[in-house]
Amino acid sequence: MQLHAEIQKEADTKIHKVYLLHHDFEFDVYKASPGDIIEIINQSDISHSVYIETPDETIINIDEKLYVQTPGVSVRWKVPESGEFTLRCWIHPVIHAKLLISESID
């Protein structure tokens, strides 16, 4: 299991960069804390449409105006609470990654 390690700070908010490659996320599992920002960056040469599935299976479209994330485009989502979330792509159902949210990601 690989974990994503690139984290930036913007004011007092941690920003976790999640890279979407051709047909997969860079890593299988990402960790963050409530209040952090997840920035999903499409680095592939094809379009994607990333959404988040919550622990209770609610679907969250990250950007209601931007359903298709073309190459080079990034979207951000602020983590609301602890739990195990899943990142998925509407266009490519085989693309997914876990997002583990806990109070401390040491």
N, C-alpha and C. Protein backbone atom coordinates (compact mmCIF):
# COMPACT_ATOMS: atom_id res chain seq x y z
N MET A 1 0.84 -1.17 0.00
CA MET A 1 0.00 0.00 0.00
C MET A 1 0.89 1.24 0.00
N GLN A 2 0.68 2.14 -0.96
CA GLN A 2 1.45 3.36 -1.01
C GLN A 2 0.63 4.52 -0.44
N LEU A 3 1.32 5.47 0.18
CA LEU A 3 0.66 6.65 0.72
C LEU A 3 1.23 7.88 0.06
N HIS A 4 0.36 8.83 -0.23
CA HIS A 4 0.78 10.08 -0.85
C HIS A 4 1.40 10.98 0.21
N ALA A 5 2.51 11.63 -0.11
CA ALA A 5 3.23 12.40 0.89
C ALA A 5 3.33 13.89 0.59
N GLU A 6 2.89 14.34 -0.56
CA GLU A 6 3.05 15.76 -0.88
C GLU A 6 1.97 16.60 -0.21
N ILE A 7 2.40 17.42 0.74
CA ILE A 7 1.47 18.27 1.48
C ILE A 7 2.02 19.69 1.47
N GLN A 8 1.14 20.65 1.21
CA GLN A 8 1.50 22.06 1.27
C GLN A 8 0.66 22.71 2.35
N LYS A 9 1.08 23.88 2.81
CA LYS A 9 0.28 24.64 3.77
C LYS A 9 -0.14 25.94 3.12
N GLU A 10 -1.40 26.29 3.30
CA GLU A 10 -1.93 27.56 2.83
C GLU A 10 -2.63 28.17 4.03
N ALA A 11 -2.05 29.23 4.58
CA ALA A 11 -2.49 29.78 5.86
C ALA A 11 -2.34 28.65 6.88
N ASP A 12 -3.41 28.27 7.56
CA ASP A 12 -3.33 27.18 8.53
C ASP A 12 -3.97 25.90 8.01
N THR A 13 -4.20 25.83 6.71
CA THR A 13 -4.85 24.67 6.11
C THR A 13 -3.84 23.84 5.34
N LYS A 14 -3.84 22.53 5.59
CA LYS A 14 -2.98 21.63 4.82
C LYS A 14 -3.68 21.30 3.51
N ILE A 15 -2.91 21.31 2.43
CA ILE A 15 -3.41 20.95 1.11
C ILE A 15 -2.68 19.69 0.67
N HIS A 16 -3.45 18.64 0.42
CA HIS A 16 -2.90 17.36 -0.01
C HIS A 16 -3.10 17.25 -1.52
N LYS A 17 -2.03 17.16 -2.26
CA LYS A 17 -2.12 17.05 -3.72
C LYS A 17 -2.26 15.59 -4.12
N VAL A 18 -3.33 15.31 -4.85
CA VAL A 18 -3.64 13.97 -5.33
C VAL A 18 -3.54 14.01 -6.84
N TYR A 19 -2.58 13.30 -7.40
CA TYR A 19 -2.37 13.32 -8.84
C TYR A 19 -3.13 12.19 -9.51
N LEU A 20 -3.89 12.55 -10.53
CA LEU A 20 -4.63 11.58 -11.33
C LEU A 20 -3.84 11.38 -12.61
N LEU A 21 -3.35 10.16 -12.76
CA LEU A 21 -2.55 9.83 -13.92
C LEU A 21 -3.47 9.25 -14.99
N HIS A 22 -2.95 8.61 -15.99
CA HIS A 22 -3.77 8.17 -17.11
C HIS A 22 -5.03 7.42 -16.68
N HIS A 23 -4.88 6.26 -16.09
CA HIS A 23 -6.05 5.50 -15.65
C HIS A 23 -5.95 5.08 -14.19
N ASP A 24 -5.39 5.96 -13.37
CA ASP A 24 -5.28 5.65 -11.95
C ASP A 24 -4.83 6.87 -11.17
N PHE A 25 -5.07 6.84 -9.87
CA PHE A 25 -4.48 7.84 -9.00
C PHE A 25 -3.04 7.44 -8.76
N GLU A 26 -2.21 8.40 -8.38
CA GLU A 26 -0.80 8.11 -8.15
C GLU A 26 -0.60 7.05 -7.07
N PHE A 27 -1.42 7.10 -6.01
CA PHE A 27 -1.33 6.14 -4.91
C PHE A 27 -2.70 5.51 -4.66
N ASP A 28 -2.69 4.38 -3.97
CA ASP A 28 -3.94 3.68 -3.65
C ASP A 28 -4.64 4.26 -2.43
N VAL A 29 -3.86 4.86 -1.51
CA VAL A 29 -4.38 5.37 -0.25
C VAL A 29 -3.79 6.74 0.03
N TYR A 30 -4.63 7.64 0.50
CA TYR A 30 -4.22 8.98 0.90
C TYR A 30 -4.72 9.22 2.32
N LYS A 31 -3.97 9.99 3.10
CA LYS A 31 -4.38 10.31 4.48
C LYS A 31 -4.47 11.81 4.65
N ALA A 32 -5.46 12.24 5.42
CA ALA A 32 -5.65 13.66 5.72
C ALA A 32 -6.43 13.77 7.02
N SER A 33 -6.66 15.00 7.45
CA SER A 33 -7.43 15.28 8.66
C SER A 33 -8.62 16.16 8.32
N PRO A 34 -9.66 16.17 9.17
CA PRO A 34 -10.79 17.08 8.93
C PRO A 34 -10.30 18.52 8.82
N GLY A 35 -10.86 19.26 7.88
CA GLY A 35 -10.46 20.65 7.64
C GLY A 35 -9.37 20.80 6.60
N ASP A 36 -8.66 19.71 6.28
CA ASP A 36 -7.64 19.76 5.23
C ASP A 36 -8.32 19.88 3.87
N ILE A 37 -7.55 20.28 2.88
CA ILE A 37 -8.05 20.39 1.51
C ILE A 37 -7.38 19.31 0.66
N ILE A 38 -8.20 18.61 -0.12
CA ILE A 38 -7.70 17.63 -1.07
C ILE A 38 -7.76 18.29 -2.44
N GLU A 39 -6.61 18.43 -3.09
CA GLU A 39 -6.55 19.01 -4.43
C GLU A 39 -6.26 17.88 -5.41
N ILE A 40 -7.22 17.61 -6.29
CA ILE A 40 -7.07 16.54 -7.27
C ILE A 40 -6.65 17.16 -8.59
N ILE A 41 -5.47 16.76 -9.08
CA ILE A 41 -4.87 17.36 -10.26
C ILE A 41 -4.85 16.31 -11.37
N ASN A 42 -5.51 16.63 -12.49
CA ASN A 42 -5.53 15.71 -13.62
C ASN A 42 -4.25 15.89 -14.43
N GLN A 43 -3.31 14.97 -14.27
CA GLN A 43 -2.05 15.03 -15.01
C GLN A 43 -2.05 14.06 -16.19
N SER A 44 -3.19 13.51 -16.51
CA SER A 44 -3.24 12.58 -17.63
C SER A 44 -3.55 13.34 -18.92
N ASP A 45 -3.58 12.61 -20.01
CA ASP A 45 -3.88 13.24 -21.30
C ASP A 45 -5.34 12.99 -21.70
N ILE A 46 -6.14 12.53 -20.75
CA ILE A 46 -7.56 12.29 -21.00
C ILE A 46 -8.40 12.97 -19.91
N SER A 47 -9.67 13.17 -20.17
CA SER A 47 -10.56 13.79 -19.20
C SER A 47 -11.04 12.77 -18.17
N HIS A 48 -11.34 13.28 -16.99
CA HIS A 48 -11.87 12.48 -15.90
C HIS A 48 -13.01 13.25 -15.25
N SER A 49 -13.73 12.60 -14.36
CA SER A 49 -14.81 13.23 -13.62
C SER A 49 -14.82 12.63 -12.22
N VAL A 50 -14.00 13.21 -11.34
CA VAL A 50 -13.79 12.64 -10.02
C VAL A 50 -14.91 13.06 -9.06
N TYR A 51 -15.35 12.08 -8.28
CA TYR A 51 -16.31 12.35 -7.21
C TYR A 51 -15.85 11.60 -5.97
N ILE A 52 -16.51 11.88 -4.85
CA ILE A 52 -16.16 11.26 -3.57
C ILE A 52 -17.36 10.51 -3.04
N GLU A 53 -17.09 9.31 -2.56
CA GLU A 53 -18.12 8.52 -1.89
C GLU A 53 -17.82 8.55 -0.40
N THR A 54 -18.79 8.99 0.40
CA THR A 54 -18.61 9.12 1.84
C THR A 54 -18.77 7.76 2.53
N PRO A 55 -18.43 7.68 3.83
CA PRO A 55 -18.58 6.41 4.55
C PRO A 55 -20.01 5.86 4.53
N ASP A 56 -21.02 6.75 4.44
CA ASP A 56 -22.41 6.26 4.38
C ASP A 56 -22.91 6.12 2.94
N GLU A 57 -21.97 6.12 1.99
CA GLU A 57 -22.22 5.92 0.55
C GLU A 57 -22.92 7.09 -0.13
N THR A 58 -22.88 8.27 0.49
CA THR A 58 -23.37 9.49 -0.16
C THR A 58 -22.36 9.89 -1.23
N ILE A 59 -22.84 10.37 -2.36
CA ILE A 59 -21.98 10.82 -3.46
C ILE A 59 -21.81 12.33 -3.37
N ILE A 60 -20.56 12.79 -3.47
CA ILE A 60 -20.25 14.22 -3.47
C ILE A 60 -19.56 14.54 -4.80
N ASN A 61 -20.20 15.36 -5.62
CA ASN A 61 -19.53 15.88 -6.80
C ASN A 61 -18.68 17.04 -6.33
N ILE A 62 -17.40 16.98 -6.58
CA ILE A 62 -16.47 17.96 -6.02
C ILE A 62 -16.76 19.37 -6.52
N ASP A 63 -17.00 19.52 -7.78
CA ASP A 63 -17.28 20.84 -8.35
C ASP A 63 -18.55 20.73 -9.19
N GLU A 64 -19.64 21.27 -8.69
CA GLU A 64 -20.94 21.16 -9.36
C GLU A 64 -20.95 21.80 -10.75
N LYS A 65 -20.05 22.74 -11.02
CA LYS A 65 -20.00 23.39 -12.33
C LYS A 65 -19.04 22.69 -13.29
N LEU A 66 -18.14 21.89 -12.74
CA LEU A 66 -17.09 21.27 -13.54
C LEU A 66 -17.19 19.76 -13.40
N TYR A 67 -18.12 19.16 -14.13
CA TYR A 67 -18.29 17.71 -14.02
C TYR A 67 -17.17 16.96 -14.72
N VAL A 68 -16.62 17.51 -15.80
CA VAL A 68 -15.52 16.86 -16.51
C VAL A 68 -14.25 17.63 -16.24
N GLN A 69 -13.26 16.91 -15.75
CA GLN A 69 -11.97 17.48 -15.40
C GLN A 69 -11.00 17.18 -16.55
N THR A 70 -10.81 18.17 -17.42
CA THR A 70 -9.94 17.98 -18.57
C THR A 70 -8.46 17.96 -18.15
N PRO A 71 -7.57 17.50 -19.02
CA PRO A 71 -6.15 17.45 -18.67
C PRO A 71 -5.63 18.81 -18.18
N GLY A 72 -4.88 18.77 -17.10
CA GLY A 72 -4.29 19.97 -16.53
C GLY A 72 -5.16 20.70 -15.52
N VAL A 73 -6.42 20.32 -15.40
CA VAL A 73 -7.34 21.00 -14.49
C VAL A 73 -7.27 20.37 -13.10
N SER A 74 -7.39 21.19 -12.06
CA SER A 74 -7.44 20.67 -10.70
C SER A 74 -8.72 21.14 -10.02
N VAL A 75 -9.19 20.34 -9.07
CA VAL A 75 -10.36 20.68 -8.27
C VAL A 75 -9.99 20.47 -6.81
N ARG A 76 -10.68 21.19 -5.92
CA ARG A 76 -10.40 21.10 -4.49
C ARG A 76 -11.65 20.72 -3.71
N TRP A 77 -11.42 19.98 -2.62
CA TRP A 77 -12.50 19.58 -1.72
C TRP A 77 -12.00 19.68 -0.30
N LYS A 78 -12.76 20.37 0.55
CA LYS A 78 -12.39 20.50 1.96
C LYS A 78 -13.00 19.34 2.74
N VAL A 79 -12.16 18.62 3.45
CA VAL A 79 -12.57 17.43 4.19
C VAL A 79 -13.45 17.85 5.37
N PRO A 80 -14.70 17.34 5.43
CA PRO A 80 -15.61 17.77 6.49
C PRO A 80 -15.47 17.02 7.81
N GLU A 81 -15.09 15.73 7.77
CA GLU A 81 -15.12 14.91 8.98
C GLU A 81 -14.24 13.68 8.81
N SER A 82 -14.04 12.98 9.92
CA SER A 82 -13.27 11.73 9.90
C SER A 82 -14.05 10.62 9.21
N GLY A 83 -13.33 9.63 8.71
CA GLY A 83 -13.96 8.47 8.10
C GLY A 83 -13.15 7.98 6.92
N GLU A 84 -13.64 6.93 6.30
CA GLU A 84 -12.99 6.37 5.12
C GLU A 84 -13.81 6.73 3.89
N PHE A 85 -13.25 7.58 3.05
CA PHE A 85 -13.89 8.05 1.84
C PHE A 85 -13.26 7.33 0.65
N THR A 86 -13.94 7.35 -0.49
CA THR A 86 -13.38 6.77 -1.70
C THR A 86 -13.43 7.80 -2.82
N LEU A 87 -12.30 7.98 -3.48
CA LEU A 87 -12.23 8.82 -4.67
C LEU A 87 -12.54 7.93 -5.86
N ARG A 88 -13.42 8.39 -6.76
CA ARG A 88 -13.81 7.60 -7.93
C ARG A 88 -13.96 8.51 -9.15
N CYS A 89 -13.97 7.90 -10.32
CA CYS A 89 -14.17 8.62 -11.58
C CYS A 89 -15.46 8.12 -12.23
N TRP A 90 -16.37 9.07 -12.58
CA TRP A 90 -17.61 8.69 -13.25
C TRP A 90 -17.34 8.08 -14.62
N ILE A 91 -16.36 8.63 -15.33
CA ILE A 91 -16.07 8.19 -16.70
C ILE A 91 -15.37 6.84 -16.72
N HIS A 92 -14.48 6.62 -15.76
CA HIS A 92 -13.67 5.40 -15.71
C HIS A 92 -13.88 4.72 -14.35
N PRO A 93 -14.89 3.87 -14.22
CA PRO A 93 -15.21 3.24 -12.93
C PRO A 93 -14.08 2.42 -12.30
N VAL A 94 -13.10 2.00 -13.09
CA VAL A 94 -11.99 1.22 -12.53
C VAL A 94 -11.03 2.09 -11.72
N ILE A 95 -11.13 3.40 -11.87
CA ILE A 95 -10.24 4.33 -11.15
C ILE A 95 -10.82 4.61 -9.77
N HIS A 96 -10.04 4.32 -8.73
CA HIS A 96 -10.48 4.62 -7.37
C HIS A 96 -9.27 4.63 -6.43
N ALA A 97 -9.44 5.31 -5.30
CA ALA A 97 -8.42 5.35 -4.25
C ALA A 97 -9.13 5.62 -2.93
N LYS A 98 -8.54 5.15 -1.85
CA LYS A 98 -9.08 5.38 -0.50
C LYS A 98 -8.56 6.70 0.03
N LEU A 99 -9.40 7.37 0.77
CA LEU A 99 -9.03 8.62 1.46
C LEU A 99 -9.37 8.41 2.92
N LEU A 100 -8.33 8.19 3.74
CA LEU A 100 -8.51 7.92 5.16
C LEU A 100 -8.37 9.22 5.94
N ILE A 101 -9.46 9.60 6.61
CA ILE A 101 -9.49 10.87 7.34
C ILE A 101 -9.56 10.57 8.83
N SER A 102 -8.57 11.09 9.56
CA SER A 102 -8.56 10.94 11.02
C SER A 102 -8.03 12.23 11.63
N GLU A 103 -8.23 12.38 12.92
CA GLU A 103 -7.82 13.61 13.60
C GLU A 103 -6.31 13.83 13.54
N SER A 104 -5.54 12.76 13.49
CA SER A 104 -4.09 12.88 13.43
C SER A 104 -3.56 11.96 12.34
N ILE A 105 -2.73 12.51 11.42
CA ILE A 105 -2.18 11.69 10.34
C ILE A 105 -0.68 11.48 10.49
N ASP A 106 -0.20 11.52 11.71
CA ASP A 106 1.24 11.36 11.96
C ASP A 106 1.80 10.16 11.32
